[in-house]
Amino acid sequence: MILSCRSVLVIVSAALIVCAADAQQTNPTGAPNAPSATAAQQSAGQQGATEAEVLKQEESQRILGVVPMFGVTSRQNAAPLTTDQKFHLFVKNALDPFVYVAVGIQAGIAQAQNNFEAYGQGAEGYAKRYGAALADGTASNFFSNFLYPTLLKEDPRYFRFGEGPVKHRIGYALAQEFVCHTDKGGRSFNFSNVLGAVSAGGLSNAYYPPDDRGFGLTMSRAGISLMWGSLGGLISEFWPDIHRKVFEKHPKTGSKP
């Protein structure tokens, strides 16, 4: 992503944390709050569904009905994805219409800021920026959600914690870019994400202008990608809480029937 898109991510992440903290403050007794209860209800409701049905539900999640959250699960004990399921997750993310709209906006901002100056301006310059941004996203998605998770037997999904102190959940969310669930059921360093970021950054040298290539820039892009991916974990962790707080109406305590 370019700087402007990252700024939006930071603002959204900060808003999510503030709202989540506010929600927790309404429960000073330390008893399980609404997110925990809802997670338990979801778990109970999922017990009667098959793994395929639950997975299908999870892969239809969206923020505000628009932004995809296909690779997020609230089940810490979710069954590992098969190779076919990992490939399906990659394809579903790659072909979602929102991706093409977001890339179009990103390319427009990049052109307005004259990023990758060698691409030029006009329709041709916009097309080159659009193609580069789309290639970046697709490559990162392919390496991090399919290729390396398949080779290394790692799960590419974000496993939402969903309960407990906000500070703990923030730390958990930020760490998930570097900690993954394995197909054997344990946890390990997230080699898929790290290698995926480096591989996508290296591949970009094939289509970026000469002045925007090189080992140093590749590693810098990989590091920045991981940093913003880690912040993106905050959205995956807290969005369901915010959705319940803002969009789901609850009856007022003490109201008359």
C-alpha atoms as a PDB file:
ATOM      1  CA  MET A   1       0.000   0.000   0.000  1.00  0.00           C
ATOM      2  CA  ILE A   2       1.054   3.604  -0.437  1.00  0.00           C
ATOM      3  CA  LEU A   3       1.342   6.065   2.402  1.00  0.00           C
ATOM      4  CA  SER A   4      -2.210   7.429   2.215  1.00  0.00           C
ATOM      5  CA  CYS A   5      -3.758   3.947   2.410  1.00  0.00           C
ATOM      6  CA  ARG A   6      -1.566   3.107   5.385  1.00  0.00           C
ATOM      7  CA  SER A   7      -2.662   6.271   7.159  1.00  0.00           C
ATOM      8  CA  VAL A   8      -6.262   5.174   6.782  1.00  0.00           C
ATOM      9  CA  LEU A   9      -5.372   1.789   8.260  1.00  0.00           C
ATOM     10  CA  VAL A  10      -3.754   3.436  11.282  1.00  0.00           C
ATOM     11  CA  ILE A  11      -6.786   5.668  11.856  1.00  0.00           C
ATOM     12  CA  VAL A  12      -9.202   2.754  11.561  1.00  0.00           C
ATOM     13  CA  SER A  13      -7.083   0.599  13.888  1.00  0.00           C
ATOM     14  CA  ALA A  14      -6.915   3.374  16.468  1.00  0.00           C
ATOM     15  CA  ALA A  15     -10.681   3.846  16.301  1.00  0.00           C
ATOM     16  CA  LEU A  16     -11.252   0.137  16.808  1.00  0.00           C
ATOM     17  CA  ILE A  17      -9.037   0.067  19.898  1.00  0.00           C
ATOM     18  CA  VAL A  18     -10.731   3.120  21.411  1.00  0.00           C
ATOM     19  CA  CYS A  19     -14.199   1.670  20.833  1.00  0.00           C
ATOM     20  CA  ALA A  20     -13.174  -1.720  22.205  1.00  0.00           C
ATOM     21  CA  ALA A  21     -11.673  -0.125  25.314  1.00  0.00           C
ATOM     22  CA  ASP A  22     -14.867   1.863  25.802  1.00  0.00           C
ATOM     23  CA  ALA A  23     -16.886  -1.318  25.546  1.00  0.00           C
ATOM     24  CA  GLN A  24     -14.752  -2.987  28.199  1.00  0.00           C
ATOM     25  CA  GLN A  25     -15.104  -0.035  30.559  1.00  0.00           C
ATOM     26  CA  THR A  26     -18.846  -0.645  30.666  1.00  0.00           C
ATOM     27  CA  ASN A  27     -18.060  -3.977  32.380  1.00  0.00           C
ATOM     28  CA  PRO A  28     -15.940  -2.985  35.418  1.00  0.00           C
ATOM     29  CA  THR A  29     -16.760  -6.124  37.382  1.00  0.00           C
ATOM     30  CA  GLY A  30     -14.369  -8.165  35.262  1.00  0.00           C
ATOM     31  CA  ALA A  31     -17.115 -10.583  34.229  1.00  0.00           C
ATOM     32  CA  PRO A  32     -17.113 -11.827  30.632  1.00  0.00           C
ATOM     33  CA  ASN A  33     -18.416  -9.049  28.422  1.00  0.00           C
ATOM     34  CA  ALA A  34     -20.553  -9.148  25.282  1.00  0.00           C
ATOM     35  CA  PRO A  35     -17.791 -10.281  22.883  1.00  0.00           C
ATOM     36  CA  SER A  36     -17.039 -13.351  25.036  1.00  0.00           C
ATOM     37  CA  ALA A  37     -20.707 -14.260  25.350  1.00  0.00           C
ATOM     38  CA  THR A  38     -21.250 -13.854  21.642  1.00  0.00           C
ATOM     39  CA  ALA A  39     -18.200 -15.983  20.860  1.00  0.00           C
ATOM     40  CA  ALA A  40     -19.607 -18.714  23.087  1.00  0.00           C
ATOM     41  CA  GLN A  41     -22.965 -18.486  21.343  1.00  0.00           C
ATOM     42  CA  GLN A  42     -21.297 -18.708  17.951  1.00  0.00           C
ATOM     43  CA  SER A  43     -19.314 -21.750  19.072  1.00  0.00           C
ATOM     44  CA  ALA A  44     -22.452 -23.425  20.359  1.00  0.00           C
ATOM     45  CA  GLY A  45     -24.299 -22.642  17.156  1.00  0.00           C
ATOM     46  CA  GLN A  46     -21.467 -24.031  15.058  1.00  0.00           C
ATOM     47  CA  GLN A  47     -21.384 -27.381  16.838  1.00  0.00           C
ATOM     48  CA  GLY A  48     -24.343 -28.582  14.814  1.00  0.00           C
ATOM     49  CA  ALA A  49     -22.788 -27.490  11.511  1.00  0.00           C
ATOM     50  CA  THR A  50     -20.202 -29.346   9.483  1.00  0.00           C
ATOM     51  CA  GLU A  51     -16.662 -28.004   9.134  1.00  0.00           C
ATOM     52  CA  ALA A  52     -17.371 -27.146   5.491  1.00  0.00           C
ATOM     53  CA  GLU A  53     -20.450 -25.126   6.451  1.00  0.00           C
ATOM     54  CA  VAL A  54     -18.620 -23.211   9.167  1.00  0.00           C
ATOM     55  CA  LEU A  55     -15.690 -22.524   6.849  1.00  0.00           C
ATOM     56  CA  LYS A  56     -18.092 -21.227   4.200  1.00  0.00           C
ATOM     57  CA  GLN A  57     -19.622 -18.851   6.739  1.00  0.00           C
ATOM     58  CA  GLU A  58     -16.210 -17.593   7.797  1.00  0.00           C
ATOM     59  CA  GLU A  59     -15.176 -17.012   4.202  1.00  0.00           C
ATOM     60  CA  SER A  60     -18.195 -14.772   3.647  1.00  0.00           C
ATOM     61  CA  GLN A  61     -17.264 -12.289   6.394  1.00  0.00           C
ATOM     62  CA  ARG A  62     -17.020  -8.632   5.391  1.00  0.00           C
ATOM     63  CA  ILE A  63     -16.562  -5.294   7.108  1.00  0.00           C
ATOM     64  CA  LEU A  64     -19.699  -3.205   6.546  1.00  0.00           C
ATOM     65  CA  GLY A  65     -20.720  -5.799   3.988  1.00  0.00           C
ATOM     66  CA  VAL A  66     -17.944  -4.619   1.649  1.00  0.00           C
ATOM     67  CA  VAL A  67     -14.359  -5.204   2.815  1.00  0.00           C
ATOM     68  CA  PRO A  68     -13.512  -8.949   2.801  1.00  0.00           C
ATOM     69  CA  MET A  69     -12.384 -10.734   5.954  1.00  0.00           C
ATOM     70  CA  PHE A  70     -12.234 -14.197   4.395  1.00  0.00           C
ATOM     71  CA  GLY A  71      -9.142 -15.368   6.263  1.00  0.00           C
ATOM     72  CA  VAL A  72     -10.386 -14.754   9.811  1.00  0.00           C
ATOM     73  CA  THR A  73     -11.691 -17.391  12.221  1.00  0.00           C
ATOM     74  CA  SER A  74     -12.927 -17.041  15.796  1.00  0.00           C
ATOM     75  CA  ARG A  75     -12.252 -20.740  16.473  1.00  0.00           C
ATOM     76  CA  GLN A  76      -8.903 -21.309  18.136  1.00  0.00           C
ATOM     77  CA  ASN A  77      -9.357 -25.049  17.557  1.00  0.00           C
ATOM     78  CA  ALA A  78     -10.418 -24.769  13.917  1.00  0.00           C
ATOM     79  CA  ALA A  79      -9.436 -27.724  11.755  1.00  0.00           C
ATOM     80  CA  PRO A  80      -6.381 -27.019   9.553  1.00  0.00           C
ATOM     81  CA  LEU A  81      -6.998 -26.051   5.949  1.00  0.00           C
ATOM     82  CA  THR A  82      -6.273 -28.558   3.232  1.00  0.00           C
ATOM     83  CA  THR A  83      -4.173 -27.616   0.213  1.00  0.00           C
ATOM     84  CA  ASP A  84      -7.336 -27.143  -1.837  1.00  0.00           C
ATOM     85  CA  GLN A  85      -8.845 -24.913   0.846  1.00  0.00           C
ATOM     86  CA  LYS A  86      -5.713 -22.763   0.995  1.00  0.00           C
ATOM     87  CA  PHE A  87      -5.825 -22.381  -2.777  1.00  0.00           C
ATOM     88  CA  HIS A  88      -9.529 -21.514  -2.568  1.00  0.00           C
ATOM     89  CA  LEU A  89      -8.760 -18.821   0.010  1.00  0.00           C
ATOM     90  CA  PHE A  90      -6.105 -17.343  -2.287  1.00  0.00           C
ATOM     91  CA  VAL A  91      -8.459 -17.319  -5.294  1.00  0.00           C
ATOM     92  CA  LYS A  92     -11.396 -15.924  -3.314  1.00  0.00           C
ATOM     93  CA  ASN A  93      -9.262 -13.043  -2.069  1.00  0.00           C
ATOM     94  CA  ALA A  94      -7.715 -12.425  -5.482  1.00  0.00           C
ATOM     95  CA  LEU A  95     -10.992 -12.304  -7.401  1.00  0.00           C
ATOM     96  CA  ASP A  96     -13.091 -10.305  -4.963  1.00  0.00           C
ATOM     97  CA  PRO A  97     -14.459  -7.130  -6.648  1.00  0.00           C
ATOM     98  CA  PHE A  98     -13.418  -4.961  -3.715  1.00  0.00           C
ATOM     99  CA  VAL A  99      -9.759  -5.683  -4.532  1.00  0.00           C
ATOM    100  CA  TYR A 100     -10.041  -4.113  -7.980  1.00  0.00           C
ATOM    101  CA  VAL A 101     -11.810  -1.032  -6.659  1.00  0.00           C
ATOM    102  CA  ALA A 102      -9.236  -0.583  -3.882  1.00  0.00           C
ATOM    103  CA  VAL A 103      -6.368  -1.016  -6.354  1.00  0.00           C
ATOM    104  CA  GLY A 104      -7.949   1.585  -8.623  1.00  0.00           C
ATOM    105  CA  ILE A 105      -8.091   4.105  -5.783  1.00  0.00           C
ATOM    106  CA  GLN A 106      -4.540   3.259  -4.753  1.00  0.00           C
ATOM    107  CA  ALA A 107      -3.266   3.745  -8.307  1.00  0.00           C
ATOM    108  CA  GLY A 108      -5.101   7.067  -8.553  1.00  0.00           C
ATOM    109  CA  ILE A 109      -3.521   8.372  -5.343  1.00  0.00           C
ATOM    110  CA  ALA A 110      -0.106   7.137  -6.478  1.00  0.00           C
ATOM    111  CA  GLN A 111      -0.507   8.999  -9.763  1.00  0.00           C
ATOM    112  CA  ALA A 112      -1.658  12.174  -8.012  1.00  0.00           C
ATOM    113  CA  GLN A 113       1.440  12.002  -5.791  1.00  0.00           C
ATOM    114  CA  ASN A 114       3.576  11.064  -8.833  1.00  0.00           C
ATOM    115  CA  ASN A 115       4.896   7.939  -7.116  1.00  0.00           C
ATOM    116  CA  PHE A 116       6.973   5.773  -9.483  1.00  0.00           C
ATOM    117  CA  GLU A 117       7.689   8.856 -11.571  1.00  0.00           C
ATOM    118  CA  ALA A 118       9.094   6.805 -14.456  1.00  0.00           C
ATOM    119  CA  TYR A 119       5.610   5.437 -15.138  1.00  0.00           C
ATOM    120  CA  GLY A 120       4.612   8.891 -16.328  1.00  0.00           C
ATOM    121  CA  GLN A 121       1.164  10.468 -16.236  1.00  0.00           C
ATOM    122  CA  GLY A 122      -2.015  10.123 -18.265  1.00  0.00           C
ATOM    123  CA  ALA A 123      -3.887   6.905 -18.979  1.00  0.00           C
ATOM    124  CA  GLU A 124      -0.697   4.948 -19.655  1.00  0.00           C
ATOM    125  CA  GLY A 125       0.876   5.978 -16.354  1.00  0.00           C
ATOM    126  CA  TYR A 126      -2.312   5.116 -14.470  1.00  0.00           C
ATOM    127  CA  ALA A 127      -2.509   1.705 -16.166  1.00  0.00           C
ATOM    128  CA  LYS A 128       1.084   0.925 -15.168  1.00  0.00           C
ATOM    129  CA  ARG A 129       0.468   1.942 -11.563  1.00  0.00           C
ATOM    130  CA  TYR A 130      -2.760  -0.042 -11.488  1.00  0.00           C
ATOM    131  CA  GLY A 131      -1.017  -3.121 -12.871  1.00  0.00           C
ATOM    132  CA  ALA A 132       1.865  -2.795 -10.394  1.00  0.00           C
ATOM    133  CA  ALA A 133      -0.461  -2.396  -7.395  1.00  0.00           C
ATOM    134  CA  LEU A 134      -2.582  -5.349  -8.512  1.00  0.00           C
ATOM    135  CA  ALA A 135       0.515  -7.489  -9.051  1.00  0.00           C
ATOM    136  CA  ASP A 136       1.807  -6.562  -5.575  1.00  0.00           C
ATOM    137  CA  GLY A 137      -1.420  -7.627  -3.896  1.00  0.00           C
ATOM    138  CA  THR A 138      -1.853 -10.797  -5.916  1.00  0.00           C
ATOM    139  CA  ALA A 139       1.748 -11.913  -5.366  1.00  0.00           C
ATOM    140  CA  SER A 140       1.560 -11.280  -1.630  1.00  0.00           C
ATOM    141  CA  ASN A 141      -1.742 -13.159  -1.461  1.00  0.00           C
ATOM    142  CA  PHE A 142      -0.346 -16.097  -3.453  1.00  0.00           C
ATOM    143  CA  PHE A 143       2.866 -16.469  -1.457  1.00  0.00           C
ATOM    144  CA  SER A 144       1.418 -15.836   2.017  1.00  0.00           C
ATOM    145  CA  ASN A 145      -1.982 -17.530   1.719  1.00  0.00           C
ATOM    146  CA  PHE A 146      -1.184 -20.488  -0.515  1.00  0.00           C
ATOM    147  CA  LEU A 147       2.352 -21.355  -1.607  1.00  0.00           C
ATOM    148  CA  TYR A 148       4.337 -21.066   1.632  1.00  0.00           C
ATOM    149  CA  PRO A 149       1.487 -22.214   3.929  1.00  0.00           C
ATOM    150  CA  THR A 150       1.186 -25.321   1.754  1.00  0.00           C
ATOM    151  CA  LEU A 151       4.918 -26.042   1.638  1.00  0.00           C
ATOM    152  CA  LEU A 152       5.516 -25.271   5.325  1.00  0.00           C
ATOM    153  CA  LYS A 153       2.259 -26.761   6.660  1.00  0.00           C
ATOM    154  CA  GLU A 154       1.152 -23.464   8.219  1.00  0.00           C
ATOM    155  CA  ASP A 155      -2.343 -21.976   8.509  1.00  0.00           C
ATOM    156  CA  PRO A 156      -2.665 -18.596   6.738  1.00  0.00           C
ATOM    157  CA  ARG A 157      -5.760 -17.478   8.676  1.00  0.00           C
ATOM    158  CA  TYR A 158      -5.963 -14.944  11.478  1.00  0.00           C
ATOM    159  CA  PHE A 159      -7.156 -16.735  14.620  1.00  0.00           C
ATOM    160  CA  ARG A 160      -9.179 -14.161  16.522  1.00  0.00           C
ATOM    161  CA  PHE A 161      -8.767 -14.196  20.308  1.00  0.00           C
ATOM    162  CA  GLY A 162     -12.086 -12.427  20.849  1.00  0.00           C
ATOM    163  CA  GLU A 163     -12.079 -11.971  24.637  1.00  0.00           C
ATOM    164  CA  GLY A 164     -10.085 -10.765  27.617  1.00  0.00           C
ATOM    165  CA  PRO A 165      -8.365  -7.433  28.414  1.00  0.00           C
ATOM    166  CA  VAL A 166      -8.033  -5.034  25.487  1.00  0.00           C
ATOM    167  CA  LYS A 167      -4.277  -4.593  26.053  1.00  0.00           C
ATOM    168  CA  HIS A 168      -3.739  -8.323  25.845  1.00  0.00           C
ATOM    169  CA  ARG A 169      -5.774  -8.564  22.649  1.00  0.00           C
ATOM    170  CA  ILE A 170      -3.831  -5.679  21.092  1.00  0.00           C
ATOM    171  CA  GLY A 171      -0.554  -7.462  21.772  1.00  0.00           C
ATOM    172  CA  TYR A 172      -1.996 -10.711  20.477  1.00  0.00           C
ATOM    173  CA  ALA A 173      -3.250  -9.051  17.281  1.00  0.00           C
ATOM    174  CA  LEU A 174       0.055  -7.337  16.537  1.00  0.00           C
ATOM    175  CA  ALA A 175       1.971 -10.575  17.093  1.00  0.00           C
ATOM    176  CA  GLN A 176      -0.116 -12.689  14.747  1.00  0.00           C
ATOM    177  CA  GLU A 177       1.758 -11.457  11.685  1.00  0.00           C
ATOM    178  CA  PHE A 178       4.728 -13.367  13.111  1.00  0.00           C
ATOM    179  CA  VAL A 179       3.028 -16.264  14.933  1.00  0.00           C
ATOM    180  CA  CYS A 180       0.915 -18.850  13.149  1.00  0.00           C
ATOM    181  CA  HIS A 181      -1.042 -22.029  13.783  1.00  0.00           C
ATOM    182  CA  THR A 182       0.488 -25.072  12.157  1.00  0.00           C
ATOM    183  CA  ASP A 183      -1.402 -27.815  10.367  1.00  0.00           C
ATOM    184  CA  LYS A 184      -0.378 -30.178  13.178  1.00  0.00           C
ATOM    185  CA  GLY A 185      -2.186 -28.052  15.734  1.00  0.00           C
ATOM    186  CA  GLY A 186       0.713 -26.215  17.378  1.00  0.00           C
ATOM    187  CA  ARG A 187       2.112 -22.744  16.858  1.00  0.00           C
ATOM    188  CA  SER A 188       5.336 -21.544  15.292  1.00  0.00           C
ATOM    189  CA  PHE A 189       7.074 -18.543  13.809  1.00  0.00           C
ATOM    190  CA  ASN A 190       5.076 -17.373  10.790  1.00  0.00           C
ATOM    191  CA  PHE A 191       7.608 -18.137   8.063  1.00  0.00           C
ATOM    192  CA  SER A 192       4.828 -17.958   5.462  1.00  0.00           C
ATOM    193  CA  ASN A 193       4.138 -14.286   6.103  1.00  0.00           C
ATOM    194  CA  VAL A 194       7.789 -13.284   6.296  1.00  0.00           C
ATOM    195  CA  LEU A 195       8.887 -15.254   3.243  1.00  0.00           C
ATOM    196  CA  GLY A 196       5.744 -14.142   1.413  1.00  0.00           C
ATOM    197  CA  ALA A 197       6.521 -10.470   2.027  1.00  0.00           C
ATOM    198  CA  VAL A 198      10.132 -10.873   0.881  1.00  0.00           C
ATOM    199  CA  SER A 199       9.130 -12.920  -2.179  1.00  0.00           C
ATOM    200  CA  ALA A 200       6.462 -10.427  -3.236  1.00  0.00           C
ATOM    201  CA  GLY A 201       8.912  -7.566  -2.748  1.00  0.00           C
ATOM    202  CA  GLY A 202      11.532  -9.390  -4.804  1.00  0.00           C
ATOM    203  CA  LEU A 203       9.082 -10.145  -7.605  1.00  0.00           C
ATOM    204  CA  SER A 204       8.141  -6.468  -7.823  1.00  0.00           C
ATOM    205  CA  ASN A 205      11.642  -5.766  -9.166  1.00  0.00           C
ATOM    206  CA  ALA A 206      10.444  -7.283 -12.436  1.00  0.00           C
ATOM    207  CA  TYR A 207       7.910  -4.507 -13.085  1.00  0.00           C
ATOM    208  CA  TYR A 208       8.886  -1.510 -10.923  1.00  0.00           C
ATOM    209  CA  PRO A 209      10.864   1.297 -12.626  1.00  0.00           C
ATOM    210  CA  PRO A 210      14.673   0.872 -12.423  1.00  0.00           C
ATOM    211  CA  ASP A 211      15.014   3.577  -9.783  1.00  0.00           C
ATOM    212  CA  ASP A 212      12.595   1.639  -7.521  1.00  0.00           C
ATOM    213  CA  ARG A 213      14.395  -1.716  -7.617  1.00  0.00           C
ATOM    214  CA  GLY A 214      17.179  -3.335  -5.645  1.00  0.00           C
ATOM    215  CA  PHE A 215      17.842  -5.477  -2.602  1.00  0.00           C
ATOM    216  CA  GLY A 216      17.581  -2.622  -0.126  1.00  0.00           C
ATOM    217  CA  LEU A 217      14.216  -1.462  -1.466  1.00  0.00           C
ATOM    218  CA  THR A 218      12.963  -5.048  -1.593  1.00  0.00           C
ATOM    219  CA  MET A 219      13.735  -5.621   2.089  1.00  0.00           C
ATOM    220  CA  SER A 220      12.318  -2.234   3.003  1.00  0.00           C
ATOM    221  CA  ARG A 221       9.057  -2.997   1.198  1.00  0.00           C
ATOM    222  CA  ALA A 222       8.886  -6.402   2.877  1.00  0.00           C
ATOM    223  CA  GLY A 223       9.401  -4.887   6.322  1.00  0.00           C
ATOM    224  CA  ILE A 224       6.788  -2.215   5.756  1.00  0.00           C
ATOM    225  CA  SER A 225       4.347  -4.807   4.431  1.00  0.00           C
ATOM    226  CA  LEU A 226       4.770  -6.897   7.580  1.00  0.00           C
ATOM    227  CA  MET A 227       4.368  -3.879   9.823  1.00  0.00           C
ATOM    228  CA  TRP A 228       1.096  -2.820   8.223  1.00  0.00           C
ATOM    229  CA  GLY A 229      -0.072  -6.415   8.086  1.00  0.00           C
ATOM    230  CA  SER A 230       0.455  -6.560  11.826  1.00  0.00           C
ATOM    231  CA  LEU A 231      -1.648  -3.439  12.286  1.00  0.00           C
ATOM    232  CA  GLY A 232      -4.257  -5.007  10.031  1.00  0.00           C
ATOM    233  CA  GLY A 233      -4.553  -7.733  12.644  1.00  0.00           C
ATOM    234  CA  LEU A 234      -6.126  -5.132  14.924  1.00  0.00           C
ATOM    235  CA  ILE A 235      -9.001  -4.770  12.493  1.00  0.00           C
ATOM    236  CA  SER A 236      -9.449  -8.529  12.282  1.00  0.00           C
ATOM    237  CA  GLU A 237      -9.422  -8.779  16.080  1.00  0.00           C
ATOM    238  CA  PHE A 238     -11.686  -5.892  17.039  1.00  0.00           C
ATOM    239  CA  TRP A 239     -14.073  -5.370  14.145  1.00  0.00           C
ATOM    240  CA  PRO A 240     -16.684  -7.906  15.373  1.00  0.00           C
ATOM    241  CA  ASP A 241     -16.730  -6.122  18.751  1.00  0.00           C
ATOM    242  CA  ILE A 242     -17.257  -2.749  17.122  1.00  0.00           C
ATOM    243  CA  HIS A 243     -19.929  -4.118  14.822  1.00  0.00           C
ATOM    244  CA  ARG A 244     -21.891  -5.418  17.794  1.00  0.00           C
ATOM    245  CA  LYS A 245     -21.453  -2.180  19.729  1.00  0.00           C
ATOM    246  CA  VAL A 246     -22.374   0.165  16.877  1.00  0.00           C
ATOM    247  CA  PHE A 247     -24.760  -1.745  14.645  1.00  0.00           C
ATOM    248  CA  GLU A 248     -26.534  -4.272  16.822  1.00  0.00           C
ATOM    249  CA  LYS A 249     -29.266  -2.801  18.982  1.00  0.00           C
ATOM    250  CA  HIS A 250     -29.699  -4.161  22.502  1.00  0.00           C
ATOM    251  CA  PRO A 251     -32.695  -3.534  24.765  1.00  0.00           C
ATOM    252  CA  LYS A 252     -32.069  -0.992  27.492  1.00  0.00           C
ATOM    253  CA  THR A 253     -31.709  -2.351  31.025  1.00  0.00           C
ATOM    254  CA  GLY A 254     -34.821  -1.799  33.092  1.00  0.00           C
ATOM    255  CA  SER A 255     -37.035  -0.958  30.122  1.00  0.00           C
ATOM    256  CA  LYS A 256     -40.656  -1.907  30.400  1.00  0.00           C
ATOM    257  CA  PRO A 257     -42.012  -4.642  28.123  1.00  0.00           C
END
